[in-house]
Amino acid sequence: MSATTEAPARTYSAYSAPLWQRLLLTRETAVIALTAAVILYSIANVPNFDGPLTIKFLLQDIAPILLIALPMTLVIITGEIDLSVASIMGLSSVLLGVLHEGGMSVPAAALLALLAGLACGALNGFLIAYVGLPSLAVTIGTLALFRGIAVGLLGTKAITDFTEKWSDLATGTIGETKIPLVMIPFAVLAIGFVVLLHFSTFGRGVYDIGLNDEAAHFTGVDVARTKLVLFMLSGVVSALAGIYFTLRFGSARGDNATGYELQVIAAVLLGGVSIFGGRGRLHGVLAGVVLIGVLSSALRLESVTVNVTNIIVGLLLVASVILPNVLAAASSRLPRKATPAAPRESHTPDNAASAGVTTRGSDS
């Protein structure tokens, strides 16, 4: 028999780009770099941006968006969307105010408001996951429904009789730092969502659903239950954001947090989550939220109007949609790892002789 040498098995790394390309040439890395650049520029050029009060108010302003962006990221990765989050914030605000005005303690009223948010999310999830209705249509409907209930319960009235203890808790800081206390529950929730999405079988199922929900079903993922859980998480976290919003400003109103759903979705998409599902990471989303917050704060300090700020954020969002194509083109131009070549079979005179093959040579 002829002596042959088998080619080594080709691995994924043989075909992939170098590690530094896969880590650096990503949308999330670009957003983080842009956020850092905007922060450094603002510190150097915007008056009072580096002041302790600016940091405090910046974090307080983006806290509700940071909170809601956590479950919204998972919802959009599955290929769905939740437009009712701001209305759930408003409804939880009204329930907190009405129940407290009726004699209930703030913790008890907050608990019922959280349960109401959970129920709102369950309604969205049931209609989408089990009835099979599109999430865009469902959450547009519940956006109007929940906001209508909130305004109907309170009308144009505002409840402001919250004690200073609770307002101070919502606006307080950690020790002598200027970091708001609300960052503590946010950090706990962020760690929980990171583990859930990136280090659990549930998170892998979320990505599978976003890529192809039918294929995910056949691989054992309970698609309906996963979507229901995600919308329930979105509802309860939105209610928590509404409670914080109410206590921070000391006012429960039916129109609280109007328009916040667009800010959350813009931040999530800016952070690298695909609107079509199947792709996205939480660190990019959080960087997107911070980027929008820093831009808004810096422009406000420069006396730029809100309308101009919205235009800039809109242009940034459009640019973020174009960015993946630019990164993909740049990545394709860079060299990839060379694929190990399979050694050819060689027939030396010794090998040929051992195989019984006569080789021609010189007769002289």
Protein backbone atom coordinates (compact mmCIF):
# COMPACT_ATOMS: atom_id res chain seq x y z
CA MET A 1 0.00 0.00 0.00
CA SER A 2 1.17 3.52 -0.67
CA ALA A 3 2.06 5.70 2.28
CA THR A 4 -0.38 8.59 2.66
CA THR A 5 -0.50 11.48 5.06
CA GLU A 6 -3.96 12.69 6.17
CA ALA A 7 -4.62 16.43 6.13
CA PRO A 8 -5.21 17.91 9.57
CA ALA A 9 -8.81 18.78 10.38
CA ARG A 10 -9.63 22.35 9.53
CA THR A 11 -10.98 24.37 12.42
CA TYR A 12 -13.19 27.47 12.60
CA SER A 13 -10.17 29.59 13.55
CA ALA A 14 -8.52 28.65 10.26
CA TYR A 15 -11.24 30.50 8.38
CA SER A 16 -11.92 33.34 10.80
CA ALA A 17 -10.41 36.79 10.93
CA PRO A 18 -7.68 37.43 13.52
CA LEU A 19 -8.89 37.88 17.07
CA TRP A 20 -8.08 41.58 17.18
CA GLN A 21 -10.29 42.17 14.13
CA ARG A 22 -13.21 40.27 15.66
CA LEU A 23 -12.88 42.24 18.90
CA LEU A 24 -12.20 45.73 17.57
CA LEU A 25 -14.04 45.90 14.25
CA THR A 26 -17.48 45.62 15.78
CA ARG A 27 -20.35 48.03 16.05
CA GLU A 28 -20.28 47.85 19.84
CA THR A 29 -16.61 48.80 19.97
CA ALA A 30 -17.24 51.71 17.62
CA VAL A 31 -20.06 53.02 19.84
CA ILE A 32 -17.91 52.70 22.97
CA ALA A 33 -15.04 54.54 21.26
CA LEU A 34 -17.38 57.28 20.06
CA THR A 35 -18.85 57.64 23.54
CA ALA A 36 -15.39 57.98 25.08
CA ALA A 37 -14.41 60.55 22.44
CA VAL A 38 -17.55 62.64 23.07
CA ILE A 39 -16.99 62.52 26.83
CA LEU A 40 -13.36 63.63 26.51
CA TYR A 41 -14.28 66.40 24.08
CA SER A 42 -17.08 67.63 26.36
CA ILE A 43 -14.80 67.67 29.40
CA ALA A 44 -12.22 69.72 27.52
CA ASN A 45 -14.51 72.13 25.70
CA VAL A 46 -17.95 72.36 27.35
CA PRO A 47 -18.09 74.65 30.40
CA ASN A 48 -19.09 72.92 33.66
CA PHE A 49 -19.46 69.53 31.98
CA ASP A 50 -16.94 67.95 34.34
CA GLY A 51 -18.66 69.38 37.40
CA PRO A 52 -20.03 66.96 40.01
CA LEU A 53 -23.62 68.17 39.58
CA THR A 54 -23.47 67.54 35.84
CA ILE A 55 -22.51 63.91 36.41
CA LYS A 56 -25.27 63.50 38.98
CA PHE A 57 -28.00 64.98 36.78
CA LEU A 58 -26.72 63.13 33.71
CA LEU A 59 -27.00 59.75 35.44
CA GLN A 60 -30.39 60.64 36.91
CA ASP A 61 -31.66 61.66 33.47
CA ILE A 62 -30.58 58.46 31.74
CA ALA A 63 -31.46 56.09 34.60
CA PRO A 64 -35.00 55.25 33.31
CA ILE A 65 -33.64 54.68 29.80
CA LEU A 66 -30.83 52.50 31.14
CA LEU A 67 -33.34 50.41 33.07
CA ILE A 68 -35.79 49.87 30.21
CA ALA A 69 -33.02 49.28 27.67
CA LEU A 70 -32.07 46.07 29.50
CA PRO A 71 -35.23 44.07 28.69
CA MET A 72 -35.80 45.98 25.44
CA THR A 73 -32.48 44.64 24.16
CA LEU A 74 -33.63 41.06 24.62
CA VAL A 75 -37.04 41.81 23.11
CA ILE A 76 -35.54 43.31 19.96
CA ILE A 77 -32.97 40.50 19.64
CA THR A 78 -35.90 38.09 19.30
CA GLY A 79 -37.15 40.18 16.38
CA GLU A 80 -39.99 41.81 18.36
CA ILE A 81 -40.49 45.33 19.73
CA ASP A 82 -42.28 46.92 22.70
CA LEU A 83 -43.63 50.41 22.12
CA SER A 84 -45.73 50.45 25.28
CA VAL A 85 -42.90 50.90 27.79
CA ALA A 86 -43.39 54.64 28.28
CA SER A 87 -47.13 54.18 28.75
CA ILE A 88 -46.44 51.54 31.40
CA MET A 89 -44.17 54.08 33.09
CA GLY A 90 -47.03 56.59 33.09
CA LEU A 91 -49.54 54.04 34.37
CA SER A 92 -47.26 52.93 37.20
CA SER A 93 -46.72 56.59 38.10
CA VAL A 94 -50.46 57.21 38.33
CA LEU A 95 -51.08 54.05 40.36
CA LEU A 96 -48.33 55.00 42.78
CA GLY A 97 -49.82 58.45 43.25
CA VAL A 98 -53.46 57.37 43.50
CA LEU A 99 -52.78 54.54 45.94
CA HIS A 100 -50.53 56.69 48.10
CA GLU A 101 -53.08 59.51 48.13
CA GLY A 102 -55.66 56.96 49.22
CA GLY A 103 -53.66 56.20 52.35
CA MET A 104 -51.39 53.38 51.23
CA SER A 105 -47.69 53.53 52.07
CA VAL A 106 -45.25 54.22 49.26
CA PRO A 107 -43.63 50.74 49.40
CA ALA A 108 -47.02 49.00 49.23
CA ALA A 109 -48.21 51.27 46.42
CA ALA A 110 -44.92 50.72 44.55
CA LEU A 111 -45.34 46.94 44.86
CA LEU A 112 -48.84 47.11 43.35
CA ALA A 113 -47.52 49.37 40.58
CA LEU A 114 -44.84 46.78 39.80
CA LEU A 115 -47.47 44.04 39.66
CA ALA A 116 -49.52 46.20 37.31
CA GLY A 117 -46.48 46.58 35.07
CA LEU A 118 -45.99 42.82 35.15
CA ALA A 119 -49.64 42.34 34.13
CA CYS A 120 -49.26 44.83 31.27
CA GLY A 121 -46.21 42.95 30.01
CA ALA A 122 -48.05 39.65 30.33
CA LEU A 123 -50.91 41.02 28.20
CA ASN A 124 -48.45 42.08 25.50
CA GLY A 125 -46.62 38.77 25.67
CA PHE A 126 -49.79 36.67 25.53
CA LEU A 127 -51.15 38.47 22.47
CA ILE A 128 -47.81 38.25 20.68
CA ALA A 129 -46.54 34.80 21.72
CA TYR A 130 -49.74 32.77 22.01
CA VAL A 131 -52.29 34.58 19.85
CA GLY A 132 -49.66 35.25 17.19
CA LEU A 133 -50.27 38.95 16.62
CA PRO A 134 -47.37 41.15 15.43
CA SER A 135 -45.63 42.97 18.26
CA LEU A 136 -45.65 46.30 16.43
CA ALA A 137 -49.44 46.32 16.14
CA VAL A 138 -50.02 44.96 19.65
CA THR A 139 -47.75 47.40 21.44
CA ILE A 140 -49.02 50.39 19.46
CA GLY A 141 -52.47 49.41 20.70
CA THR A 142 -51.41 48.90 24.30
CA LEU A 143 -49.38 52.11 24.16
CA ALA A 144 -52.67 53.97 23.66
CA LEU A 145 -54.55 51.67 26.07
CA PHE A 146 -52.19 52.02 29.04
CA ARG A 147 -51.75 55.76 28.50
CA GLY A 148 -55.50 56.18 28.24
CA ILE A 149 -56.04 54.34 31.53
CA ALA A 150 -53.38 56.49 33.22
CA VAL A 151 -54.90 59.75 32.01
CA GLY A 152 -58.40 58.50 32.73
CA LEU A 153 -57.54 57.69 36.35
CA LEU A 154 -55.95 61.04 37.08
CA GLY A 155 -57.04 63.40 34.32
CA THR A 156 -54.98 66.57 34.27
CA LYS A 157 -54.41 66.40 38.01
CA ALA A 158 -50.95 65.89 39.51
CA ILE A 159 -50.35 64.19 42.85
CA THR A 160 -47.40 65.73 44.64
CA ASP A 161 -47.84 64.86 48.31
CA PHE A 162 -44.86 62.50 48.49
CA THR A 163 -42.76 62.90 51.61
CA GLU A 164 -39.24 64.24 51.33
CA LYS A 165 -37.88 60.92 52.55
CA TRP A 166 -38.89 59.19 49.32
CA SER A 167 -37.91 62.08 47.07
CA ASP A 168 -34.51 62.25 48.78
CA LEU A 169 -34.11 58.51 48.25
CA ALA A 170 -34.74 58.89 44.53
CA THR A 171 -32.41 61.88 44.19
CA GLY A 172 -29.77 60.86 46.74
CA THR A 173 -26.22 59.83 45.99
CA ILE A 174 -23.92 57.05 47.15
CA GLY A 175 -21.96 58.43 50.07
CA GLU A 176 -19.89 61.48 49.19
CA THR A 177 -19.86 60.62 45.51
CA LYS A 178 -22.17 62.16 42.97
CA ILE A 179 -23.36 58.78 41.73
CA PRO A 180 -27.15 58.50 42.23
CA LEU A 181 -28.51 55.73 44.43
CA VAL A 182 -30.60 54.48 41.51
CA MET A 183 -27.39 53.17 39.96
CA ILE A 184 -27.32 50.41 42.60
CA PRO A 185 -30.53 48.65 41.48
CA PHE A 186 -29.53 49.34 37.89
CA ALA A 187 -26.15 47.63 38.40
CA VAL A 188 -27.86 44.61 39.98
CA LEU A 189 -30.34 44.35 37.10
CA ALA A 190 -27.60 44.89 34.50
CA ILE A 191 -25.53 42.02 35.90
CA GLY A 192 -28.62 39.82 35.94
CA PHE A 193 -29.49 40.61 32.32
CA VAL A 194 -25.89 40.12 31.18
CA VAL A 195 -25.83 36.67 32.76
CA LEU A 196 -29.28 35.88 31.37
CA LEU A 197 -28.44 36.90 27.80
CA HIS A 198 -24.78 35.97 27.40
CA PHE A 199 -24.18 33.11 29.85
CA SER A 200 -27.34 31.00 29.92
CA THR A 201 -29.26 28.61 27.71
CA PHE A 202 -32.19 31.03 27.89
CA GLY A 203 -30.01 33.71 26.28
CA ARG A 204 -28.89 31.35 23.53
CA GLY A 205 -32.55 30.65 22.87
CA VAL A 206 -33.19 34.40 22.58
CA TYR A 207 -30.58 34.66 19.80
CA ASP A 208 -31.91 31.53 18.11
CA ILE A 209 -35.43 32.97 18.05
CA GLY A 210 -34.15 36.17 16.48
CA LEU A 211 -32.33 34.28 13.76
CA ASN A 212 -35.15 31.86 12.98
CA ASP A 213 -37.95 31.18 15.42
CA GLU A 214 -39.14 28.05 13.58
CA ALA A 215 -35.67 26.52 13.64
CA ALA A 216 -35.37 27.51 17.32
CA HIS A 217 -38.60 25.66 18.05
CA PHE A 218 -37.30 22.48 16.43
CA THR A 219 -34.08 22.69 18.46
CA GLY A 220 -36.06 22.63 21.71
CA VAL A 221 -36.53 26.35 22.46
CA ASP A 222 -39.95 27.19 23.88
CA VAL A 223 -40.46 30.23 21.66
CA ALA A 224 -43.82 31.31 23.06
CA ARG A 225 -42.78 31.05 26.69
CA THR A 226 -39.51 32.91 26.02
CA LYS A 227 -41.32 35.81 24.39
CA LEU A 228 -43.89 35.93 27.19
CA VAL A 229 -41.14 36.10 29.82
CA LEU A 230 -39.34 38.88 27.93
CA PHE A 231 -42.43 41.06 27.64
CA MET A 232 -43.22 40.50 31.31
CA LEU A 233 -39.68 41.60 32.18
CA SER A 234 -40.13 44.63 29.97
CA GLY A 235 -43.37 45.51 31.76
CA VAL A 236 -42.09 45.18 35.32
CA VAL A 237 -38.82 47.05 34.63
CA SER A 238 -40.78 49.83 32.89
CA ALA A 239 -42.97 50.09 35.99
CA LEU A 240 -39.84 50.33 38.15
CA ALA A 241 -38.57 53.14 35.92
CA GLY A 242 -41.94 54.87 36.27
CA ILE A 243 -41.77 54.67 40.06
CA TYR A 244 -38.29 56.17 40.05
CA PHE A 245 -39.39 58.89 37.63
CA THR A 246 -42.33 59.79 39.89
CA LEU A 247 -40.34 59.93 43.11
CA ARG A 248 -37.48 61.86 41.52
CA PHE A 249 -39.74 64.69 40.39
CA GLY A 250 -42.22 64.25 43.24
CA SER A 251 -45.16 64.27 40.85
CA ALA A 252 -47.50 61.54 39.60
CA ARG A 253 -49.11 62.46 36.29
CA GLY A 254 -50.81 60.55 33.52
CA ASP A 255 -48.50 62.04 30.90
CA ASN A 256 -45.25 61.23 32.70
CA ALA A 257 -42.48 59.81 30.47
CA THR A 258 -44.31 60.53 27.22
CA GLY A 259 -42.01 59.74 24.29
CA TYR A 260 -39.51 57.71 26.28
CA GLU A 261 -40.14 54.61 24.17
CA LEU A 262 -38.46 56.28 21.18
CA GLN A 263 -35.42 57.24 23.24
CA VAL A 264 -35.05 53.68 24.50
CA ILE A 265 -35.39 52.11 21.06
CA ALA A 266 -32.98 54.65 19.55
CA ALA A 267 -30.39 53.84 22.21
CA VAL A 268 -30.79 50.09 21.71
CA LEU A 269 -30.39 50.33 17.94
CA LEU A 270 -27.50 52.75 18.28
CA GLY A 271 -25.82 50.24 20.59
CA GLY A 272 -25.62 47.62 17.85
CA VAL A 273 -28.80 45.56 18.21
CA SER A 274 -30.28 44.55 14.86
CA ILE A 275 -33.90 45.59 14.39
CA PHE A 276 -34.36 42.33 12.48
CA GLY A 277 -33.26 40.29 15.50
CA GLY A 278 -30.56 37.75 16.16
CA ARG A 279 -27.76 40.18 16.96
CA GLY A 280 -26.76 42.54 19.74
CA ARG A 281 -24.87 42.82 23.02
CA LEU A 282 -25.74 44.64 26.19
CA HIS A 283 -22.45 46.52 26.58
CA GLY A 284 -23.03 48.20 23.25
CA VAL A 285 -26.57 49.15 24.24
CA LEU A 286 -25.44 50.69 27.53
CA ALA A 287 -22.79 52.65 25.65
CA GLY A 288 -25.50 53.88 23.28
CA VAL A 289 -27.62 55.12 26.18
CA VAL A 290 -24.65 56.94 27.72
CA LEU A 291 -23.72 58.44 24.35
CA ILE A 292 -27.19 59.94 23.86
CA GLY A 293 -27.20 61.19 27.46
CA VAL A 294 -23.78 62.81 27.17
CA LEU A 295 -24.68 64.48 23.88
CA SER A 296 -27.93 65.83 25.29
CA SER A 297 -26.23 67.11 28.45
CA ALA A 298 -23.35 68.76 26.59
CA LEU A 299 -25.64 70.42 24.07
CA ARG A 300 -27.92 71.66 26.85
CA LEU A 301 -24.93 73.24 28.60
CA GLU A 302 -24.10 74.93 25.30
CA SER A 303 -27.67 76.34 25.21
CA VAL A 304 -28.63 74.24 22.18
CA THR A 305 -32.39 73.78 21.86
CA VAL A 306 -34.10 70.42 22.32
CA ASN A 307 -35.18 70.34 18.66
CA VAL A 308 -31.59 70.66 17.46
CA THR A 309 -30.53 67.98 19.94
CA ASN A 310 -33.20 65.63 18.55
CA ILE A 311 -31.96 66.27 15.01
CA ILE A 312 -28.38 65.42 16.01
CA VAL A 313 -29.46 62.24 17.79
CA GLY A 314 -31.54 61.27 14.76
CA LEU A 315 -28.60 61.76 12.42
CA LEU A 316 -26.44 59.71 14.76
CA LEU A 317 -28.99 56.90 14.67
CA VAL A 318 -29.05 56.94 10.87
CA ALA A 319 -25.26 56.86 10.83
CA SER A 320 -25.31 53.87 13.17
CA VAL A 321 -27.38 51.97 10.63
CA ILE A 322 -24.78 52.64 7.94
CA LEU A 323 -21.84 51.85 10.24
CA PRO A 324 -22.08 48.02 10.10
CA ASN A 325 -21.69 48.08 6.31
CA VAL A 326 -18.62 50.27 6.62
CA LEU A 327 -17.09 47.97 9.22
CA ALA A 328 -17.89 44.91 7.12
CA ALA A 329 -16.20 46.46 4.09
CA ALA A 330 -13.14 47.40 6.16
CA SER A 331 -12.94 43.91 7.63
CA SER A 332 -13.15 42.26 4.20
CA ARG A 333 -10.14 44.25 2.99
CA LEU A 334 -7.93 43.05 5.83
CA PRO A 335 -5.97 39.79 5.48
CA ARG A 336 -7.38 36.68 7.05
CA LYS A 337 -5.53 33.77 8.55
CA ALA A 338 -3.98 31.49 6.00
CA THR A 339 -5.70 28.13 5.75
CA PRO A 340 -3.28 25.28 6.53
CA ALA A 341 -2.53 23.47 3.30
CA ALA A 342 -2.95 19.72 3.24
CA PRO A 343 0.41 18.00 2.58
CA ARG A 344 0.55 16.22 -0.71
CA GLU A 345 1.14 12.51 -0.94
CA SER A 346 4.70 11.87 -2.01
CA HIS A 347 6.15 8.74 -3.62
CA THR A 348 9.85 8.54 -2.87
CA PRO A 349 11.90 5.68 -4.21
CA ASP A 350 11.74 4.02 -0.80
CA ASN A 351 7.98 4.39 -0.62
CA ALA A 352 7.59 3.18 -4.16
CA ALA A 353 9.78 0.18 -3.47
CA SER A 354 7.84 -0.69 -0.36
CA ALA A 355 4.64 -0.50 -2.40
CA GLY A 356 6.08 -2.79 -5.06
CA VAL A 357 6.36 -0.06 -7.66
CA THR A 358 9.44 -0.04 -9.91
CA THR A 359 11.00 3.34 -10.40
CA ARG A 360 12.97 4.22 -13.48
CA GLY A 361 16.55 5.17 -13.00
CA SER A 362 19.82 5.26 -14.89
CA ASP A 363 20.97 1.86 -16.33
CA SER A 364 24.58 2.86 -16.42
